[in-house]
């Protein structure tokens, strides 16, 4: 995984979690404290006698119903508890699905979430990865018509993609997402949609966004949606995620979970019920969008002043995907920028780590060598300090 490699290099120079002298702008988690306008953070949950035992493999009936109700309320899609599996974290949810896949061609976008490389890598005997490059001129926003063509021409059994997209911040929504769901339906291709940043959307989008809005039949359309409390509700440590999809697919994930992970924590699930109460959920996610929009604008402005080229401003996530091509050497490559930033105790993520190549089968250099992902997940003060250090680094090299 890209972030694990980045942190390993930082640790060689003395980085440690919680060290105030370091700024982590490679951070894949949002700040988890109070925000202006947010409800009080959930800080306590009772431990009951039943919590000492194993719980249901796909989550408690109460939480499964709460998640289904959340989607019915936001998108009007008639999901029921049987369409929901609760899983301990997003990567584990994806791992359950990949463990259940047959021998199929599975498409994925470039660039996209670095962990997908490892996800594919463990299943190469059955799952053939088919890369689909997105166009920088389009802000790396995927084209539903092109994706539909690849589904047919390459015989895709599934397509994996994040939306909003990590690392670029591109968002597929409205008629474009409706077209993608329709083309997948026609091609018989399952959509595996990582929507962990679905509430992190910015004007002109008002959020949240989800393919759920365009599902016609929850038990017939082959659409699996991955989301949870990790990003959108800013409770990453709880490890509460979910998968929505046809009931038969959810039942399969239940059987896979019995072997793979043993099921989610009962205690965390009870706490999650409070987070999904409509009043709490709406206040929390509205406050999050407002604060992160402020940090987004701060980050974009500061990076542009340094000379980082941002051709298309991110519509979602809490990342800025910028080109380093106009910076002085050695800062004009992701590797050079990353190494120099470490000397200033700032962590960033080189773009080439989002060039997913399962099994490293491709010949030649990695793509996106002059791109970098900058996170504004930390607090406003931390992001400001990190950007100031990077600005000073660029000024020294100019």
Protein backbone atom coordinates (compact mmCIF):
# COMPACT_ATOMS: atom_id res chain seq x y z
CA UNK A 1 0.00 0.00 0.00
CA UNK A 2 1.22 3.45 -0.95
CA UNK A 3 0.63 5.17 2.37
CA UNK A 4 2.36 2.37 4.27
CA UNK A 5 5.45 2.82 2.10
CA UNK A 6 5.37 6.57 2.62
CA UNK A 7 5.10 6.26 6.39
CA UNK A 8 7.89 3.68 6.47
CA UNK A 9 10.23 6.19 4.83
CA UNK A 10 9.15 8.93 7.25
CA UNK A 11 9.79 6.65 10.22
CA UNK A 12 13.40 6.25 9.11
CA UNK A 13 13.77 10.00 9.75
CA UNK A 14 12.11 9.89 13.16
CA UNK A 15 8.40 10.24 12.39
CA UNK A 16 6.03 8.70 14.92
CA UNK A 17 2.24 8.88 15.30
CA UNK A 18 1.25 11.91 17.35
CA UNK A 19 4.66 13.61 17.02
CA UNK A 20 3.75 17.34 16.88
CA UNK A 21 6.95 18.22 14.99
CA UNK A 22 5.72 16.33 11.90
CA UNK A 23 2.92 17.36 9.50
CA UNK A 24 1.16 14.53 7.68
CA UNK A 25 -0.29 15.85 4.43
CA UNK A 26 -0.39 12.28 3.20
CA UNK A 27 -3.08 11.54 5.74
CA UNK A 28 -5.86 9.23 4.60
CA UNK A 29 -8.13 10.01 7.51
CA UNK A 30 -10.06 13.18 8.32
CA UNK A 31 -9.60 15.10 11.55
CA UNK A 32 -11.78 13.43 14.15
CA UNK A 33 -12.36 16.21 16.69
CA UNK A 34 -15.14 18.79 17.01
CA UNK A 35 -15.82 21.08 14.04
CA UNK A 36 -17.72 24.38 13.89
CA UNK A 37 -21.40 23.53 13.73
CA UNK A 38 -20.92 19.79 14.26
CA UNK A 39 -22.85 17.87 16.92
CA UNK A 40 -21.07 16.71 20.04
CA UNK A 41 -18.70 13.84 19.29
CA UNK A 42 -19.91 10.45 20.50
CA UNK A 43 -17.61 9.60 23.37
CA UNK A 44 -19.28 6.80 25.31
CA UNK A 45 -21.15 3.57 24.74
CA UNK A 46 -22.31 0.99 27.27
CA UNK A 47 -20.78 -2.47 27.33
CA UNK A 48 -23.51 -5.09 27.61
CA UNK A 49 -23.23 -8.76 28.55
CA UNK A 50 -24.00 -9.91 24.99
CA UNK A 51 -21.02 -7.92 23.69
CA UNK A 52 -18.67 -10.57 25.06
CA UNK A 53 -19.93 -13.06 22.48
CA UNK A 54 -19.63 -13.21 18.70
CA UNK A 55 -22.20 -11.20 16.81
CA UNK A 56 -23.95 -11.79 13.46
CA UNK A 57 -21.48 -12.13 10.59
CA UNK A 58 -23.02 -9.30 8.56
CA UNK A 59 -23.87 -7.07 11.50
CA UNK A 60 -26.72 -6.60 13.91
CA UNK A 61 -30.25 -6.34 12.49
CA UNK A 62 -30.59 -2.91 14.11
CA UNK A 63 -27.55 -1.40 12.38
CA UNK A 64 -28.28 -3.06 9.04
CA UNK A 65 -31.75 -1.52 9.13
CA UNK A 66 -30.34 1.87 10.20
CA UNK A 67 -27.97 1.88 7.19
CA UNK A 68 -30.76 0.85 4.83
CA UNK A 69 -32.98 3.61 6.26
CA UNK A 70 -30.15 6.12 5.79
CA UNK A 71 -30.07 5.35 2.05
CA UNK A 72 -33.85 5.29 1.72
CA UNK A 73 -33.98 8.75 3.29
CA UNK A 74 -31.15 10.29 1.26
CA UNK A 75 -31.72 8.68 -2.13
CA UNK A 76 -35.21 7.17 -2.07
CA UNK A 77 -33.83 3.74 -2.97
CA UNK A 78 -35.76 0.93 -1.21
CA UNK A 79 -32.85 -0.88 0.43
CA UNK A 80 -33.79 -3.19 3.31
CA UNK A 81 -31.67 -4.71 6.07
CA UNK A 82 -31.08 -7.80 3.90
CA UNK A 83 -29.28 -5.54 1.39
CA UNK A 84 -26.67 -4.46 3.95
CA UNK A 85 -23.55 -6.13 5.34
CA UNK A 86 -21.67 -4.46 8.20
CA UNK A 87 -17.91 -5.04 8.00
CA UNK A 88 -14.90 -3.91 10.06
CA UNK A 89 -13.47 -1.31 7.68
CA UNK A 90 -13.50 -0.56 3.98
CA UNK A 91 -10.50 -2.62 2.93
CA UNK A 92 -11.98 -5.65 4.67
CA UNK A 93 -15.30 -5.06 2.92
CA UNK A 94 -13.52 -4.99 -0.43
CA UNK A 95 -11.52 -8.06 0.54
CA UNK A 96 -14.72 -9.99 1.23
CA UNK A 97 -16.02 -9.13 -2.23
CA UNK A 98 -12.79 -10.01 -4.01
CA UNK A 99 -12.65 -13.32 -2.15
CA UNK A 100 -16.12 -14.09 -3.53
CA UNK A 101 -15.37 -13.22 -7.16
CA UNK A 102 -15.13 -15.97 -9.71
CA UNK A 103 -12.71 -16.17 -12.64
CA UNK A 104 -13.47 -12.85 -14.32
CA UNK A 105 -12.00 -9.76 -15.93
CA UNK A 106 -12.25 -6.81 -13.54
CA UNK A 107 -11.72 -3.27 -14.71
CA UNK A 108 -10.24 -0.44 -12.66
CA UNK A 109 -9.37 3.19 -13.27
CA UNK A 110 -6.02 4.94 -13.40
CA UNK A 111 -5.22 6.71 -11.21
CA UNK A 112 -7.16 5.34 -8.23
CA UNK A 113 -6.76 4.27 -4.60
CA UNK A 114 -3.33 2.68 -4.10
CA UNK A 115 -4.63 -0.19 -1.92
CA UNK A 116 -6.44 -1.63 -4.95
CA UNK A 117 -3.09 -2.89 -6.22
CA UNK A 118 -2.72 -5.18 -3.21
CA UNK A 119 -6.39 -6.12 -3.39
CA UNK A 120 -5.96 -7.37 -6.96
CA UNK A 121 -2.53 -8.79 -6.23
CA UNK A 122 -3.84 -11.41 -3.86
CA UNK A 123 -6.37 -12.72 -6.40
CA UNK A 124 -4.46 -12.78 -9.70
CA UNK A 125 -5.03 -16.51 -10.14
CA UNK A 126 -8.76 -15.80 -10.60
CA UNK A 127 -9.23 -12.09 -11.19
CA UNK A 128 -7.69 -10.54 -14.29
CA UNK A 129 -7.18 -6.78 -13.81
CA UNK A 130 -7.99 -4.55 -16.80
CA UNK A 131 -6.67 -0.95 -16.45
CA UNK A 132 -8.64 1.99 -17.85
CA UNK A 133 -6.78 5.29 -17.96
CA UNK A 134 -8.67 8.51 -17.35
CA UNK A 135 -7.73 11.70 -19.18
CA UNK A 136 -5.97 14.61 -17.41
CA UNK A 137 -7.69 16.98 -19.88
CA UNK A 138 -11.02 15.87 -18.40
CA UNK A 139 -9.79 16.30 -14.84
CA UNK A 140 -9.38 12.50 -14.67
CA UNK A 141 -13.17 12.24 -14.61
CA UNK A 142 -14.24 8.88 -16.07
CA UNK A 143 -16.35 8.82 -19.22
CA UNK A 144 -19.39 6.53 -18.81
CA UNK A 145 -19.56 5.85 -22.55
CA UNK A 146 -15.91 4.78 -22.62
CA UNK A 147 -16.38 2.62 -19.53
CA UNK A 148 -19.38 1.00 -21.16
CA UNK A 149 -17.34 0.27 -24.29
CA UNK A 150 -14.60 -1.39 -22.23
CA UNK A 151 -17.18 -3.43 -20.30
CA UNK A 152 -18.36 -4.91 -23.59
CA UNK A 153 -15.07 -5.16 -25.51
CA UNK A 154 -13.02 -6.59 -22.62
CA UNK A 155 -15.84 -8.76 -21.28
CA UNK A 156 -15.68 -7.19 -17.84
CA UNK A 157 -17.46 -9.09 -15.10
CA UNK A 158 -16.87 -6.25 -12.66
CA UNK A 159 -15.60 -2.66 -12.53
CA UNK A 160 -13.97 -1.26 -9.39
CA UNK A 161 -13.73 2.49 -8.86
CA UNK A 162 -13.77 5.09 -6.11
CA UNK A 163 -16.31 7.90 -6.39
CA UNK A 164 -15.54 10.60 -5.34
CA UNK A 165 -12.20 9.52 -6.67
CA UNK A 166 -9.06 9.14 -4.58
CA UNK A 167 -6.62 10.80 -5.42
CA UNK A 168 -7.99 13.24 -8.00
CA UNK A 169 -11.18 14.45 -6.35
CA UNK A 170 -13.17 13.83 -9.56
CA UNK A 171 -16.85 13.02 -8.99
CA UNK A 172 -19.27 11.15 -11.22
CA UNK A 173 -22.84 12.12 -10.36
CA UNK A 174 -26.24 12.96 -11.82
CA UNK A 175 -26.85 11.92 -15.44
CA UNK A 176 -23.27 10.66 -15.81
CA UNK A 177 -23.63 8.20 -12.93
CA UNK A 178 -27.08 7.20 -14.15
CA UNK A 179 -25.53 6.40 -17.54
CA UNK A 180 -22.77 4.31 -15.95
CA UNK A 181 -25.27 2.25 -13.95
CA UNK A 182 -27.38 1.73 -17.09
CA UNK A 183 -24.40 0.68 -19.22
CA UNK A 184 -23.22 -1.76 -16.54
CA UNK A 185 -26.73 -3.22 -16.41
CA UNK A 186 -26.73 -3.70 -20.20
CA UNK A 187 -23.25 -5.26 -20.20
CA UNK A 188 -23.93 -7.57 -17.25
CA UNK A 189 -21.02 -5.98 -15.41
CA UNK A 190 -21.06 -5.62 -11.63
CA UNK A 191 -20.19 -2.16 -10.32
CA UNK A 192 -17.99 -2.14 -7.20
CA UNK A 193 -18.24 1.46 -6.06
CA UNK A 194 -16.05 2.75 -3.24
CA UNK A 195 -18.08 5.70 -1.93
CA UNK A 196 -16.17 6.39 1.27
CA UNK A 197 -15.91 10.10 0.38
CA UNK A 198 -19.56 10.42 -0.68
CA UNK A 199 -20.26 13.29 1.76
CA UNK A 200 -17.02 15.15 0.96
CA UNK A 201 -18.33 17.12 -2.02
CA UNK A 202 -18.03 20.82 -2.73
CA UNK A 203 -19.87 23.53 -4.71
CA UNK A 204 -21.43 23.44 -7.19
CA UNK A 205 -22.26 19.97 -5.84
CA UNK A 206 -24.30 20.05 -2.64
CA UNK A 207 -23.82 16.42 -1.64
CA UNK A 208 -23.99 13.70 -0.74
CA UNK A 209 -23.55 11.63 -3.92
CA UNK A 210 -24.17 7.93 -4.49
CA UNK A 211 -24.92 5.47 -7.26
CA UNK A 212 -27.72 4.28 -4.97
CA UNK A 213 -29.87 7.06 -6.42
CA UNK A 214 -29.76 5.34 -9.83
CA UNK A 215 -30.34 1.73 -8.79
CA UNK A 216 -33.62 0.55 -10.32
CA UNK A 217 -33.98 -2.79 -8.53
CA UNK A 218 -31.91 -3.29 -5.37
CA UNK A 219 -31.96 -7.08 -5.79
CA UNK A 220 -31.39 -7.23 -9.56
CA UNK A 221 -28.92 -4.45 -10.38
CA UNK A 222 -25.36 -5.64 -9.84
CA UNK A 223 -24.27 -2.58 -7.88
CA UNK A 224 -22.25 -2.99 -4.69
CA UNK A 225 -21.68 0.20 -2.69
CA UNK A 226 -18.95 0.50 -0.05
CA UNK A 227 -19.12 3.20 2.61
CA UNK A 228 -19.06 3.67 6.36
CA UNK A 229 -18.31 5.90 9.33
CA UNK A 230 -14.57 5.98 8.59
CA UNK A 231 -14.47 9.09 6.40
CA UNK A 232 -17.91 10.68 6.12
CA UNK A 233 -18.71 10.61 9.84
CA UNK A 234 -15.06 11.04 10.91
CA UNK A 235 -14.91 7.95 13.15
CA UNK A 236 -12.08 5.97 11.48
CA UNK A 237 -11.04 4.21 14.67
CA UNK A 238 -14.41 2.52 15.07
CA UNK A 239 -13.81 0.39 11.94
CA UNK A 240 -17.50 0.41 10.99
CA UNK A 241 -18.15 0.06 7.26
CA UNK A 242 -20.90 -1.40 5.15
CA UNK A 243 -21.67 -2.93 1.78
CA UNK A 244 -25.00 -2.37 0.04
CA UNK A 245 -26.16 -4.62 -2.76
CA UNK A 246 -28.51 -7.39 -3.87
CA UNK A 247 -29.61 -9.65 -1.01
CA UNK A 248 -28.04 -12.70 -2.67
CA UNK A 249 -24.66 -10.93 -2.84
CA UNK A 250 -24.91 -9.87 0.80
CA UNK A 251 -25.67 -13.47 1.79
CA UNK A 252 -22.51 -14.56 -0.06
CA UNK A 253 -20.44 -11.96 1.81
CA UNK A 254 -21.86 -13.35 5.05
CA UNK A 255 -20.43 -16.78 4.22
CA UNK A 256 -17.09 -15.29 3.14
CA UNK A 257 -16.88 -13.34 6.39
CA UNK A 258 -17.29 -16.53 8.41
CA UNK A 259 -13.94 -17.64 7.05
CA UNK A 260 -12.16 -14.38 6.43
CA UNK A 261 -12.72 -12.15 9.47
CA UNK A 262 -15.37 -13.46 11.86
CA UNK A 263 -17.65 -10.43 11.81
CA UNK A 264 -17.78 -6.88 13.23
CA UNK A 265 -17.66 -5.60 16.82
CA UNK A 266 -21.00 -5.44 18.60
CA UNK A 267 -19.86 -2.52 20.73
CA UNK A 268 -18.88 -0.34 17.76
CA UNK A 269 -22.13 -1.17 16.00
CA UNK A 270 -24.18 0.10 18.93
CA UNK A 271 -22.29 3.38 18.88
CA UNK A 272 -22.89 3.61 15.13
CA UNK A 273 -26.65 3.65 15.66
CA UNK A 274 -26.33 7.07 17.30
CA UNK A 275 -24.20 8.42 14.42
CA UNK A 276 -26.84 7.38 11.85
CA UNK A 277 -29.77 9.10 13.58
CA UNK A 278 -31.06 11.53 10.92
CA UNK A 279 -30.62 14.73 12.91
CA UNK A 280 -27.12 13.81 14.04
CA UNK A 281 -26.04 12.52 10.63
CA UNK A 282 -27.21 15.58 8.71
CA UNK A 283 -25.69 18.06 11.15
CA UNK A 284 -22.38 16.19 11.21
CA UNK A 285 -21.98 15.82 7.47
CA UNK A 286 -23.09 19.40 6.74
CA UNK A 287 -20.53 20.75 9.21
CA UNK A 288 -17.87 18.50 7.71
CA UNK A 289 -18.54 19.74 4.18
CA UNK A 290 -18.38 23.37 5.28
CA UNK A 291 -15.09 23.02 7.16
CA UNK A 292 -13.41 20.87 4.56
CA UNK A 293 -14.47 23.25 1.78
CA UNK A 294 -12.59 25.95 3.66
CA UNK A 295 -9.48 23.77 3.92
CA UNK A 296 -9.81 22.78 0.27
CA UNK A 297 -9.72 26.41 -0.85
CA UNK A 298 -6.77 27.10 1.44
CA UNK A 299 -4.82 24.16 0.04
CA UNK A 300 -5.52 24.92 -3.61
CA UNK A 301 -4.49 28.58 -3.22
CA UNK A 302 -1.28 27.76 -1.34
CA UNK A 303 -0.19 25.06 -3.79
CA UNK A 304 -0.81 27.29 -6.79
CA UNK A 305 1.29 30.05 -5.25
CA UNK A 306 4.12 27.50 -4.94
CA UNK A 307 3.86 26.64 -8.63
CA UNK A 308 1.99 23.34 -8.31
CA UNK A 309 -0.33 23.08 -11.31
CA UNK A 310 -3.94 22.14 -10.50
CA UNK A 311 -5.72 21.88 -13.80
CA UNK A 312 -9.06 20.82 -12.33
CA UNK A 313 -10.04 21.66 -8.77
CA UNK A 314 -11.27 18.63 -6.80
CA UNK A 315 -15.03 18.33 -6.47
CA UNK A 316 -14.78 15.71 -3.74
CA UNK A 317 -12.57 13.86 -1.19
CA UNK A 318 -10.07 15.78 0.96
CA UNK A 319 -7.17 15.59 -1.48
CA UNK A 320 -5.66 17.88 -4.08
CA UNK A 321 -4.01 16.15 -7.06
CA UNK A 322 -1.36 18.44 -8.46
CA UNK A 323 1.26 18.40 -11.19
CA UNK A 324 4.84 19.23 -10.17
CA UNK A 325 6.08 19.68 -13.74
CA UNK A 326 6.60 23.43 -13.39
CA UNK A 327 8.67 23.25 -10.18
CA UNK A 328 12.49 23.42 -10.11
CA UNK A 329 14.42 20.15 -10.00
CA UNK A 330 14.44 17.94 -8.00
CA UNK A 331 10.98 19.03 -6.84
CA UNK A 332 9.50 18.43 -10.29
CA UNK A 333 9.06 14.71 -9.65
CA UNK A 334 6.94 13.00 -7.04
CA UNK A 335 9.92 11.14 -5.63
CA UNK A 336 12.08 14.27 -5.47
CA UNK A 337 9.35 16.37 -3.87
CA UNK A 338 8.51 13.62 -1.37
CA UNK A 339 12.15 13.19 -0.25
CA UNK A 340 12.70 16.93 0.07
CA UNK A 341 9.48 17.41 2.03
CA UNK A 342 10.54 14.73 4.52
CA UNK A 343 13.55 16.87 5.36
CA UNK A 344 11.07 19.56 6.39
CA UNK A 345 9.08 16.99 8.39
CA UNK A 346 6.15 17.06 6.00
CA UNK A 347 4.66 13.86 4.57
CA UNK A 348 3.13 13.81 1.09
CA UNK A 349 2.24 10.96 -1.30
CA UNK A 350 3.94 10.63 -4.73
CA UNK A 351 1.52 10.26 -7.61
CA UNK A 352 3.10 7.11 -9.00
CA UNK A 353 1.73 5.16 -6.04
CA UNK A 354 -1.74 5.60 -7.58
CA UNK A 355 -0.57 3.97 -10.80
CA UNK A 356 -2.13 0.62 -9.96
CA UNK A 357 -0.26 -2.26 -11.61
CA UNK A 358 -1.16 -5.56 -9.91
CA UNK A 359 1.77 -7.94 -9.98
CA UNK A 360 3.92 -5.13 -11.44
CA UNK A 361 3.56 -6.67 -14.89
CA UNK A 362 3.81 -3.48 -16.93
CA UNK A 363 7.11 -2.62 -18.58
CA UNK A 364 8.66 0.84 -18.46
CA UNK A 365 8.43 3.67 -15.93
CA UNK A 366 5.49 4.16 -13.60
CA UNK A 367 2.91 6.74 -14.69
CA UNK A 368 2.11 9.96 -12.80
CA UNK A 369 5.76 10.45 -11.83
CA UNK A 370 5.26 14.23 -11.82
CA UNK A 371 2.07 14.21 -9.77
CA UNK A 372 1.52 14.44 -6.04
CA UNK A 373 -1.43 13.92 -3.69
CA UNK A 374 -1.79 16.49 -0.93
CA UNK A 375 -4.25 15.80 1.91
CA UNK A 376 -6.20 18.44 3.80
CA UNK A 377 -7.57 15.82 6.16
CA UNK A 378 -5.79 17.22 9.28
CA UNK A 379 -6.96 20.29 11.18
CA UNK A 380 -6.94 23.75 9.57
CA UNK A 381 -3.97 24.80 11.69
CA UNK A 382 -1.99 21.67 10.81
CA UNK A 383 -2.71 21.99 7.10
CA UNK A 384 -1.67 25.66 7.19
CA UNK A 385 1.62 24.84 8.90
CA UNK A 386 2.37 22.03 6.46
CA UNK A 387 1.71 24.22 3.43
CA UNK A 388 3.91 26.99 4.88
CA UNK A 389 6.78 24.51 5.22
CA UNK A 390 6.33 23.32 1.65
CA UNK A 391 6.25 26.91 0.39
CA UNK A 392 9.54 27.62 2.15
CA UNK A 393 11.04 24.43 0.65
CA UNK A 394 10.04 25.47 -2.89
CA UNK A 395 11.36 28.99 -2.33
CA UNK A 396 14.74 27.60 -1.24
CA UNK A 397 14.96 25.50 -4.40
CA UNK A 398 14.01 28.33 -6.77
